[in-house]
Amino acid sequence: QVQLVESGGGLVQAGGSLRLSCAASGRTFSSYTMGWFRQAPGKEREFVAAITRYGGSTDYADSVKGRFTISRDNAKNTAYLQMNNLKPEDSAVYYCAARDYTYVGSISTRNGYHYWGQGTQVTVSS
């Protein structure tokens, strides 16, 4: 199993930047594909970005392509989400999630992500 703790959320003006971190503990971090998801009030949790175990492949939601960058540092057991040019519609609780690397299927859905952090709030003011 793996435990996940997000940090780095906050209040930022439109056009600003934030970097979210997801610290993992427990089983070997490189055993997991890592994903970021978000949930706004009244909406379903949606996929934001994902990265495979050694960072060789990434995927992004269309709404964040070109603005967000997912990365990971396996030596530090941490995944990151760099968010630039933030928009009010990016406001949500952001969750990191882990999926065993052996799970077959698209990394850009919630399927297979069995481990979740508690979330960190991101608020973008206009």
Foldseek 3Di string as FASTA:
>chain_A
DKAKAKDWADEEAAQAKIKMKIAIDDPQLLQWKKFKWWDDPPGDIFGAKIAHSQRPDMDGDPVQPPFWDWDDDSVRRMIMIIGGRDDQVVWTWMKMFIAGNPDDDDPRDCPRGPYIYPTDTHGYHD
